[in-house]
Amino acid sequence: MKEIRFSEHSQIKIEILASHGLTIKPEFIIETIRSPDKLESGEESKQIAQRQLDEKRVLRVVYREFKAFILIITLYPGRRSRYEKD
C-alpha cells in the first residue's frame, strides 16, 4: 500500500476548516482516498475522492498518485445535493 502524504496546502486547509468548526481527522481523509464513496478523474492526472462527511455534506479530497506515494493536494467539504446527483 502506497504511503499517503499531505501537501503543505492540505495541512493548512485542515487547520482552516477546524477554525470554522469542522474538524476532519487525517485518518478520515486517508480512508476517503482508500475507500471513496465516489471517485472522479480531474485535470492533470489528479483524482477526486469523495466520502460522506455527515447528513448534508461530503468531503472531497483532491490528490495525485505517483509511483511511490500519493500526495493530497487539497480537500474541501461540499453539499451532498451538489455532488450526489447521479
PDB file of N, CA and C in Angstrom:
ATOM      1  N   MET A   1       0.844  -1.183   0.000  1.00  0.00           N
ATOM      2  CA  MET A   1       0.000   0.000   0.000  1.00  0.00           C
ATOM      3  C   MET A   1       0.892   1.250   0.000  1.00  0.00           C
ATOM      4  N   LYS A   2       0.568   2.184  -0.884  1.00  0.00           N
ATOM      5  CA  LYS A   2       1.388   3.385  -1.017  1.00  0.00           C
ATOM      6  C   LYS A   2       1.232   4.317   0.182  1.00  0.00           C
ATOM      7  N   GLU A   3       2.331   4.979   0.484  1.00  0.00           N
ATOM      8  CA  GLU A   3       2.327   5.999   1.528  1.00  0.00           C
ATOM      9  C   GLU A   3       1.472   7.180   1.052  1.00  0.00           C
ATOM     10  N   ILE A   4       0.725   7.772   1.961  1.00  0.00           N
ATOM     11  CA  ILE A   4      -0.070   8.960   1.639  1.00  0.00           C
ATOM     12  C   ILE A   4       0.553  10.153   2.353  1.00  0.00           C
ATOM     13  N   ARG A   5       0.873  11.179   1.563  1.00  0.00           N
ATOM     14  CA  ARG A   5       1.495  12.389   2.104  1.00  0.00           C
ATOM     15  C   ARG A   5       0.534  13.569   1.963  1.00  0.00           C
ATOM     16  N   PHE A   6       0.605  14.470   2.924  1.00  0.00           N
ATOM     17  CA  PHE A   6      -0.213  15.682   2.902  1.00  0.00           C
ATOM     18  C   PHE A   6       0.648  16.847   2.422  1.00  0.00           C
ATOM     19  N   SER A   7       0.186  17.573   1.405  1.00  0.00           N
ATOM     20  CA  SER A   7       0.896  18.777   0.966  1.00  0.00           C
ATOM     21  C   SER A   7       0.763  19.840   2.053  1.00  0.00           C
ATOM     22  N   GLU A   8       1.617  20.846   1.975  1.00  0.00           N
ATOM     23  CA  GLU A   8       1.530  21.939   2.940  1.00  0.00           C
ATOM     24  C   GLU A   8       0.159  22.618   2.834  1.00  0.00           C
ATOM     25  N   HIS A   9      -0.314  22.800   1.607  1.00  0.00           N
ATOM     26  CA  HIS A   9      -1.625  23.428   1.406  1.00  0.00           C
ATOM     27  C   HIS A   9      -2.738  22.623   2.079  1.00  0.00           C
ATOM     28  N   SER A  10      -2.697  21.302   1.934  1.00  0.00           N
ATOM     29  CA  SER A  10      -3.760  20.480   2.531  1.00  0.00           C
ATOM     30  C   SER A  10      -3.720  20.549   4.056  1.00  0.00           C
ATOM     31  N   GLN A  11      -2.530  20.652   4.627  1.00  0.00           N
ATOM     32  CA  GLN A  11      -2.412  20.775   6.085  1.00  0.00           C
ATOM     33  C   GLN A  11      -2.998  22.104   6.561  1.00  0.00           C
ATOM     34  N   ILE A  12      -2.736  23.160   5.805  1.00  0.00           N
ATOM     35  CA  ILE A  12      -3.302  24.471   6.140  1.00  0.00           C
ATOM     36  C   ILE A  12      -4.823  24.427   6.016  1.00  0.00           C
ATOM     37  N   LYS A  13      -5.314  23.751   4.993  1.00  0.00           N
ATOM     38  CA  LYS A  13      -6.759  23.641   4.770  1.00  0.00           C
ATOM     39  C   LYS A  13      -7.440  22.934   5.942  1.00  0.00           C
ATOM     40  N   ILE A  14      -6.809  21.894   6.477  1.00  0.00           N
ATOM     41  CA  ILE A  14      -7.348  21.184   7.644  1.00  0.00           C
ATOM     42  C   ILE A  14      -7.472  22.153   8.825  1.00  0.00           C
ATOM     43  N   GLU A  15      -6.442  22.984   9.025  1.00  0.00           N
ATOM     44  CA  GLU A  15      -6.459  23.961  10.119  1.00  0.00           C
ATOM     45  C   GLU A  15      -7.547  25.015   9.908  1.00  0.00           C
ATOM     46  N   ILE A  16      -7.699  25.481   8.678  1.00  0.00           N
ATOM     47  CA  ILE A  16      -8.725  26.488   8.373  1.00  0.00           C
ATOM     48  C   ILE A  16     -10.116  25.925   8.639  1.00  0.00           C
ATOM     49  N   LEU A  17     -10.367  24.703   8.170  1.00  0.00           N
ATOM     50  CA  LEU A  17     -11.673  24.083   8.404  1.00  0.00           C
ATOM     51  C   LEU A  17     -11.934  23.919   9.898  1.00  0.00           C
ATOM     52  N   ALA A  18     -10.907  23.521  10.657  1.00  0.00           N
ATOM     53  CA  ALA A  18     -11.055  23.361  12.110  1.00  0.00           C
ATOM     54  C   ALA A  18     -11.386  24.699  12.767  1.00  0.00           C
ATOM     55  N   SER A  19     -10.777  25.776  12.277  1.00  0.00           N
ATOM     56  CA  SER A  19     -11.051  27.096  12.855  1.00  0.00           C
ATOM     57  C   SER A  19     -12.489  27.546  12.581  1.00  0.00           C
ATOM     58  N   HIS A  20     -13.116  26.932  11.586  1.00  0.00           N
ATOM     59  CA  HIS A  20     -14.524  27.217  11.275  1.00  0.00           C
ATOM     60  C   HIS A  20     -15.462  26.185  11.895  1.00  0.00           C
ATOM     61  N   GLY A  21     -14.906  25.348  12.775  1.00  0.00           N
ATOM     62  CA  GLY A  21     -15.738  24.393  13.497  1.00  0.00           C
ATOM     63  C   GLY A  21     -15.916  23.046  12.820  1.00  0.00           C
ATOM     64  N   LEU A  22     -15.141  22.778  11.770  1.00  0.00           N
ATOM     65  CA  LEU A  22     -15.238  21.496  11.078  1.00  0.00           C
ATOM     66  C   LEU A  22     -13.904  20.759  11.213  1.00  0.00           C
ATOM     67  N   THR A  23     -13.832  19.885  12.206  1.00  0.00           N
ATOM     68  CA  THR A  23     -12.612  19.124  12.451  1.00  0.00           C
ATOM     69  C   THR A  23     -12.655  17.832  11.650  1.00  0.00           C
ATOM     70  N   ILE A  24     -11.652  17.655  10.803  1.00  0.00           N
ATOM     71  CA  ILE A  24     -11.551  16.446   9.985  1.00  0.00           C
ATOM     72  C   ILE A  24     -10.234  15.766  10.331  1.00  0.00           C
ATOM     73  N   LYS A  25     -10.329  14.547  10.823  1.00  0.00           N
ATOM     74  CA  LYS A  25      -9.133  13.814  11.234  1.00  0.00           C
ATOM     75  C   LYS A  25      -8.379  13.293  10.012  1.00  0.00           C
ATOM     76  N   PRO A  26      -7.047  13.294  10.080  1.00  0.00           N
ATOM     77  CA  PRO A  26      -6.243  12.760   8.969  1.00  0.00           C
ATOM     78  C   PRO A  26      -6.626  11.327   8.598  1.00  0.00           C
ATOM     79  N   GLU A  27      -7.009  10.531   9.588  1.00  0.00           N
ATOM     80  CA  GLU A  27      -7.402   9.143   9.318  1.00  0.00           C
ATOM     81  C   GLU A  27      -8.634   9.083   8.408  1.00  0.00           C
ATOM     82  N   PHE A  28      -9.568   9.999   8.599  1.00  0.00           N
ATOM     83  CA  PHE A  28     -10.771  10.043   7.758  1.00  0.00           C
ATOM     84  C   PHE A  28     -10.407  10.447   6.328  1.00  0.00           C
ATOM     85  N   ILE A  29      -9.468  11.359   6.201  1.00  0.00           N
ATOM     86  CA  ILE A  29      -9.015  11.802   4.878  1.00  0.00           C
ATOM     87  C   ILE A  29      -8.344  10.643   4.140  1.00  0.00           C
ATOM     88  N   ILE A  30      -7.490   9.912   4.837  1.00  0.00           N
ATOM     89  CA  ILE A  30      -6.816   8.758   4.238  1.00  0.00           C
ATOM     90  C   ILE A  30      -7.835   7.694   3.855  1.00  0.00           C
ATOM     91  N   GLU A  31      -8.810   7.456   4.715  1.00  0.00           N
ATOM     92  CA  GLU A  31      -9.861   6.477   4.426  1.00  0.00           C
ATOM     93  C   GLU A  31     -10.689   6.907   3.210  1.00  0.00           C
ATOM     94  N   THR A  32     -10.863   8.206   3.038  1.00  0.00           N
ATOM     95  CA  THR A  32     -11.586   8.717   1.876  1.00  0.00           C
ATOM     96  C   THR A  32     -10.861   8.345   0.585  1.00  0.00           C
ATOM     97  N   ILE A  33      -9.544   8.405   0.607  1.00  0.00           N
ATOM     98  CA  ILE A  33      -8.759   8.024  -0.576  1.00  0.00           C
ATOM     99  C   ILE A  33      -8.768   6.517  -0.773  1.00  0.00           C
ATOM    100  N   ARG A  34      -8.604   5.784   0.307  1.00  0.00           N
ATOM    101  CA  ARG A  34      -8.518   4.317   0.200  1.00  0.00           C
ATOM    102  C   ARG A  34      -9.868   3.671  -0.148  1.00  0.00           C
ATOM    103  N   SER A  35     -10.965   4.211   0.390  1.00  0.00           N
ATOM    104  CA  SER A  35     -12.304   3.634   0.151  1.00  0.00           C
ATOM    105  C   SER A  35     -13.327   4.741  -0.112  1.00  0.00           C
ATOM    106  N   PRO A  36     -13.227   5.411  -1.253  1.00  0.00           N
ATOM    107  CA  PRO A  36     -14.163   6.511  -1.523  1.00  0.00           C
ATOM    108  C   PRO A  36     -15.562   6.010  -1.853  1.00  0.00           C
ATOM    109  N   ASP A  37     -16.555   6.841  -1.553  1.00  0.00           N
ATOM    110  CA  ASP A  37     -17.924   6.560  -1.992  1.00  0.00           C
ATOM    111  C   ASP A  37     -18.032   6.831  -3.491  1.00  0.00           C
ATOM    112  N   LYS A  38     -17.208   7.773  -3.952  1.00  0.00           N
ATOM    113  CA  LYS A  38     -17.223   8.171  -5.359  1.00  0.00           C
ATOM    114  C   LYS A  38     -15.812   8.607  -5.734  1.00  0.00           C
ATOM    115  N   LEU A  39     -15.386   8.294  -6.956  1.00  0.00           N
ATOM    116  CA  LEU A  39     -14.054   8.668  -7.429  1.00  0.00           C
ATOM    117  C   LEU A  39     -14.186   9.283  -8.812  1.00  0.00           C
ATOM    118  N   GLU A  40     -13.581  10.460  -8.989  1.00  0.00           N
ATOM    119  CA  GLU A  40     -13.640  11.166 -10.270  1.00  0.00           C
ATOM    120  C   GLU A  40     -12.233  11.470 -10.754  1.00  0.00           C
ATOM    121  N   SER A  41     -12.074  11.535 -12.066  1.00  0.00           N
ATOM    122  CA  SER A  41     -10.803  11.969 -12.647  1.00  0.00           C
ATOM    123  C   SER A  41     -10.839  13.478 -12.779  1.00  0.00           C
ATOM    124  N   GLY A  42      -9.738  14.111 -12.396  1.00  0.00           N
ATOM    125  CA  GLY A  42      -9.637  15.556 -12.510  1.00  0.00           C
ATOM    126  C   GLY A  42      -8.625  15.934 -13.576  1.00  0.00           C
ATOM    127  N   GLU A  43      -8.264  17.199 -13.624  1.00  0.00           N
ATOM    128  CA  GLU A  43      -7.287  17.691 -14.586  1.00  0.00           C
ATOM    129  C   GLU A  43      -5.881  17.264 -14.192  1.00  0.00           C
ATOM    130  N   GLU A  44      -5.011  17.167 -15.191  1.00  0.00           N
ATOM    131  CA  GLU A  44      -3.587  16.899 -14.969  1.00  0.00           C
ATOM    132  C   GLU A  44      -3.360  15.666 -14.105  1.00  0.00           C
ATOM    133  N   SER A  45      -4.030  14.598 -14.416  1.00  0.00           N
ATOM    134  CA  SER A  45      -3.914  13.293 -13.731  1.00  0.00           C
ATOM    135  C   SER A  45      -4.224  13.348 -12.230  1.00  0.00           C
ATOM    136  N   LYS A  46      -5.044  14.299 -11.839  1.00  0.00           N
ATOM    137  CA  LYS A  46      -5.496  14.364 -10.448  1.00  0.00           C
ATOM    138  C   LYS A  46      -6.747  13.510 -10.292  1.00  0.00           C
ATOM    139  N   GLN A  47      -6.952  13.020  -9.081  1.00  0.00           N
ATOM    140  CA  GLN A  47      -8.144  12.250  -8.740  1.00  0.00           C
ATOM    141  C   GLN A  47      -8.894  13.008  -7.644  1.00  0.00           C
ATOM    142  N   ILE A  48     -10.210  12.852  -7.635  1.00  0.00           N
ATOM    143  CA  ILE A  48     -11.028  13.456  -6.577  1.00  0.00           C
ATOM    144  C   ILE A  48     -11.812  12.334  -5.911  1.00  0.00           C
ATOM    145  N   ALA A  49     -11.465  12.067  -4.659  1.00  0.00           N
ATOM    146  CA  ALA A  49     -12.153  11.038  -3.878  1.00  0.00           C
ATOM    147  C   ALA A  49     -13.199  11.727  -3.013  1.00  0.00           C
ATOM    148  N   GLN A  50     -14.357  11.111  -2.919  1.00  0.00           N
ATOM    149  CA  GLN A  50     -15.460  11.706  -2.154  1.00  0.00           C
ATOM    150  C   GLN A  50     -16.013  10.691  -1.172  1.00  0.00           C
ATOM    151  N   ARG A  51     -16.335  11.174   0.027  1.00  0.00           N
ATOM    152  CA  ARG A  51     -16.907  10.317   1.065  1.00  0.00           C
ATOM    153  C   ARG A  51     -17.891  11.147   1.885  1.00  0.00           C
ATOM    154  N   GLN A  52     -18.950  10.513   2.338  1.00  0.00           N
ATOM    155  CA  GLN A  52     -19.952  11.215   3.144  1.00  0.00           C
ATOM    156  C   GLN A  52     -19.341  11.658   4.464  1.00  0.00           C
ATOM    157  N   LEU A  53     -19.538  12.937   4.773  1.00  0.00           N
ATOM    158  CA  LEU A  53     -18.996  13.535   5.991  1.00  0.00           C
ATOM    159  C   LEU A  53     -20.048  13.550   7.092  1.00  0.00           C
ATOM    160  N   ASP A  54     -21.250  13.951   6.743  1.00  0.00           N
ATOM    161  CA  ASP A  54     -22.382  13.931   7.664  1.00  0.00           C
ATOM    162  C   ASP A  54     -23.662  13.887   6.828  1.00  0.00           C
ATOM    163  N   GLU A  55     -24.776  14.168   7.438  1.00  0.00           N
ATOM    164  CA  GLU A  55     -26.067  14.043   6.750  1.00  0.00           C
ATOM    165  C   GLU A  55     -26.168  14.916   5.497  1.00  0.00           C
ATOM    166  N   LYS A  56     -25.579  16.106   5.555  1.00  0.00           N
ATOM    167  CA  LYS A  56     -25.745  17.054   4.450  1.00  0.00           C
ATOM    168  C   LYS A  56     -24.477  17.319   3.646  1.00  0.00           C
ATOM    169  N   ARG A  57     -23.332  16.843   4.127  1.00  0.00           N
ATOM    170  CA  ARG A  57     -22.073  17.189   3.463  1.00  0.00           C
ATOM    171  C   ARG A  57     -21.239  15.968   3.091  1.00  0.00           C
ATOM    172  N   VAL A  58     -20.399  16.186   2.083  1.00  0.00           N
ATOM    173  CA  VAL A  58     -19.399  15.199   1.690  1.00  0.00           C
ATOM    174  C   VAL A  58     -18.028  15.851   1.826  1.00  0.00           C
ATOM    175  N   LEU A  59     -17.005  15.024   1.950  1.00  0.00           N
ATOM    176  CA  LEU A  59     -15.630  15.506   1.911  1.00  0.00           C
ATOM    177  C   LEU A  59     -15.071  15.127   0.556  1.00  0.00           C
ATOM    178  N   ARG A  60     -14.459  16.098  -0.124  1.00  0.00           N
ATOM    179  CA  ARG A  60     -13.817  15.838  -1.408  1.00  0.00           C
ATOM    180  C   ARG A  60     -12.320  16.055  -1.233  1.00  0.00           C
ATOM    181  N   VAL A  61     -11.534  15.061  -1.634  1.00  0.00           N
ATOM    182  CA  VAL A  61     -10.081  15.095  -1.471  1.00  0.00           C
ATOM    183  C   VAL A  61      -9.450  15.012  -2.861  1.00  0.00           C
ATOM    184  N   VAL A  62      -8.691  16.043  -3.212  1.00  0.00           N
ATOM    185  CA  VAL A  62      -8.000  16.081  -4.500  1.00  0.00           C
ATOM    186  C   VAL A  62      -6.573  15.597  -4.266  1.00  0.00           C
ATOM    187  N   TYR A  63      -6.164  14.603  -5.057  1.00  0.00           N
ATOM    188  CA  TYR A  63      -4.824  14.050  -4.874  1.00  0.00           C
ATOM    189  C   TYR A  63      -4.231  13.617  -6.205  1.00  0.00           C
ATOM    190  N   ARG A  64      -2.922  13.387  -6.180  1.00  0.00           N
ATOM    191  CA  ARG A  64      -2.225  12.868  -7.347  1.00  0.00           C
ATOM    192  C   ARG A  64      -1.445  11.638  -6.906  1.00  0.00           C
ATOM    193  N   GLU A  65      -1.525  10.609  -7.718  1.00  0.00           N
ATOM    194  CA  GLU A  65      -0.836   9.363  -7.397  1.00  0.00           C
ATOM    195  C   GLU A  65       0.476   9.300  -8.168  1.00  0.00           C
ATOM    196  N   PHE A  66       1.553   9.094  -7.431  1.00  0.00           N
ATOM    197  CA  PHE A  66       2.873   8.924  -8.022  1.00  0.00           C
ATOM    198  C   PHE A  66       3.283   7.463  -7.880  1.00  0.00           C
ATOM    199  N   LYS A  67       4.412   7.115  -8.451  1.00  0.00           N
ATOM    200  CA  LYS A  67       4.868   5.727  -8.415  1.00  0.00           C
ATOM    201  C   LYS A  67       5.037   5.221  -6.980  1.00  0.00           C
ATOM    202  N   ALA A  68       5.628   6.050  -6.125  1.00  0.00           N
ATOM    203  CA  ALA A  68       5.965   5.604  -4.771  1.00  0.00           C
ATOM    204  C   ALA A  68       4.995   6.065  -3.684  1.00  0.00           C
ATOM    205  N   PHE A  69       4.186   7.090  -3.971  1.00  0.00           N
ATOM    206  CA  PHE A  69       3.311   7.629  -2.924  1.00  0.00           C
ATOM    207  C   PHE A  69       2.125   8.353  -3.539  1.00  0.00           C
ATOM    208  N   ILE A  70       1.188   8.736  -2.670  1.00  0.00           N
ATOM    209  CA  ILE A  70       0.024   9.537  -3.048  1.00  0.00           C
ATOM    210  C   ILE A  70       0.150  10.877  -2.331  1.00  0.00           C
ATOM    211  N   LEU A  71      -0.029  11.972  -3.072  1.00  0.00           N
ATOM    212  CA  LEU A  71       0.071  13.309  -2.493  1.00  0.00           C
ATOM    213  C   LEU A  71      -1.311  13.957  -2.458  1.00  0.00           C
ATOM    214  N   ILE A  72      -1.759  14.296  -1.260  1.00  0.00           N
ATOM    215  CA  ILE A  72      -3.023  15.021  -1.099  1.00  0.00           C
ATOM    216  C   ILE A  72      -2.748  16.485  -1.402  1.00  0.00           C
ATOM    217  N   ILE A  73      -3.450  17.014  -2.395  1.00  0.00           N
ATOM    218  CA  ILE A  73      -3.236  18.387  -2.832  1.00  0.00           C
ATOM    219  C   ILE A  73      -4.112  19.344  -2.032  1.00  0.00           C
ATOM    220  N   THR A  74      -5.396  19.028  -1.940  1.00  0.00           N
ATOM    221  CA  THR A  74      -6.324  19.860  -1.174  1.00  0.00           C
ATOM    222  C   THR A  74      -7.540  19.029  -0.792  1.00  0.00           C
ATOM    223  N   LEU A  75      -8.374  19.579   0.032  1.00  0.00           N
ATOM    224  CA  LEU A  75      -9.618  18.922   0.424  1.00  0.00           C
ATOM    225  C   LEU A  75     -10.629  19.995   0.777  1.00  0.00           C
ATOM    226  N   TYR A  76     -11.889  19.641   0.611  1.00  0.00           N
ATOM    227  CA  TYR A  76     -12.938  20.617   0.913  1.00  0.00           C
ATOM    228  C   TYR A  76     -14.262  19.903   1.140  1.00  0.00           C
ATOM    229  N   PRO A  77     -15.088  20.463   2.018  1.00  0.00           N
ATOM    230  CA  PRO A  77     -16.432  19.912   2.200  1.00  0.00           C
ATOM    231  C   PRO A  77     -17.344  20.466   1.113  1.00  0.00           C
ATOM    232  N   GLY A  78     -18.356  19.697   0.781  1.00  0.00           N
ATOM    233  CA  GLY A  78     -19.340  20.158  -0.199  1.00  0.00           C
ATOM    234  C   GLY A  78     -20.714  19.643   0.180  1.00  0.00           C
ATOM    235  N   ARG A  79     -21.732  20.287  -0.354  1.00  0.00           N
ATOM    236  CA  ARG A  79     -23.099  19.832  -0.106  1.00  0.00           C
ATOM    237  C   ARG A  79     -23.351  18.539  -0.868  1.00  0.00           C
ATOM    238  N   ARG A  80     -23.934  17.565  -0.199  1.00  0.00           N
ATOM    239  CA  ARG A  80     -24.263  16.295  -0.856  1.00  0.00           C
ATOM    240  C   ARG A  80     -25.153  16.536  -2.064  1.00  0.00           C
ATOM    241  N   SER A  81     -26.082  17.471  -1.934  1.00  0.00           N
ATOM    242  CA  SER A  81     -27.025  17.737  -3.025  1.00  0.00           C
ATOM    243  C   SER A  81     -26.313  18.203  -4.294  1.00  0.00           C
ATOM    244  N   ARG A  82     -25.151  18.807  -4.149  1.00  0.00           N
ATOM    245  CA  ARG A  82     -24.406  19.276  -5.322  1.00  0.00           C
ATOM    246  C   ARG A  82     -23.619  18.155  -5.987  1.00  0.00           C
ATOM    247  N   TYR A  83     -23.044  17.265  -5.195  1.00  0.00           N
ATOM    248  CA  TYR A  83     -22.129  16.263  -5.730  1.00  0.00           C
ATOM    249  C   TYR A  83     -22.720  14.869  -5.863  1.00  0.00           C
ATOM    250  N   GLU A  84     -23.904  14.635  -5.356  1.00  0.00           N
ATOM    251  CA  GLU A  84     -24.505  13.304  -5.435  1.00  0.00           C
ATOM    252  C   GLU A  84     -25.774  13.330  -6.277  1.00  0.00           C
ATOM    253  N   LYS A  85     -25.650  13.836  -7.480  1.00  0.00           N
ATOM    254  CA  LYS A  85     -26.802  13.938  -8.374  1.00  0.00           C
ATOM    255  C   LYS A  85     -26.998  12.686  -9.211  1.00  0.00           C
ATOM    256  N   ASP A  86     -26.049  11.786  -9.174  1.00  0.00           N
ATOM    257  CA  ASP A  86     -26.078  10.583 -10.033  1.00  0.00           C
ATOM    258  C   ASP A  86     -27.368   9.832  -9.901  1.00  0.00           C
TER     259      ASP A  86
END
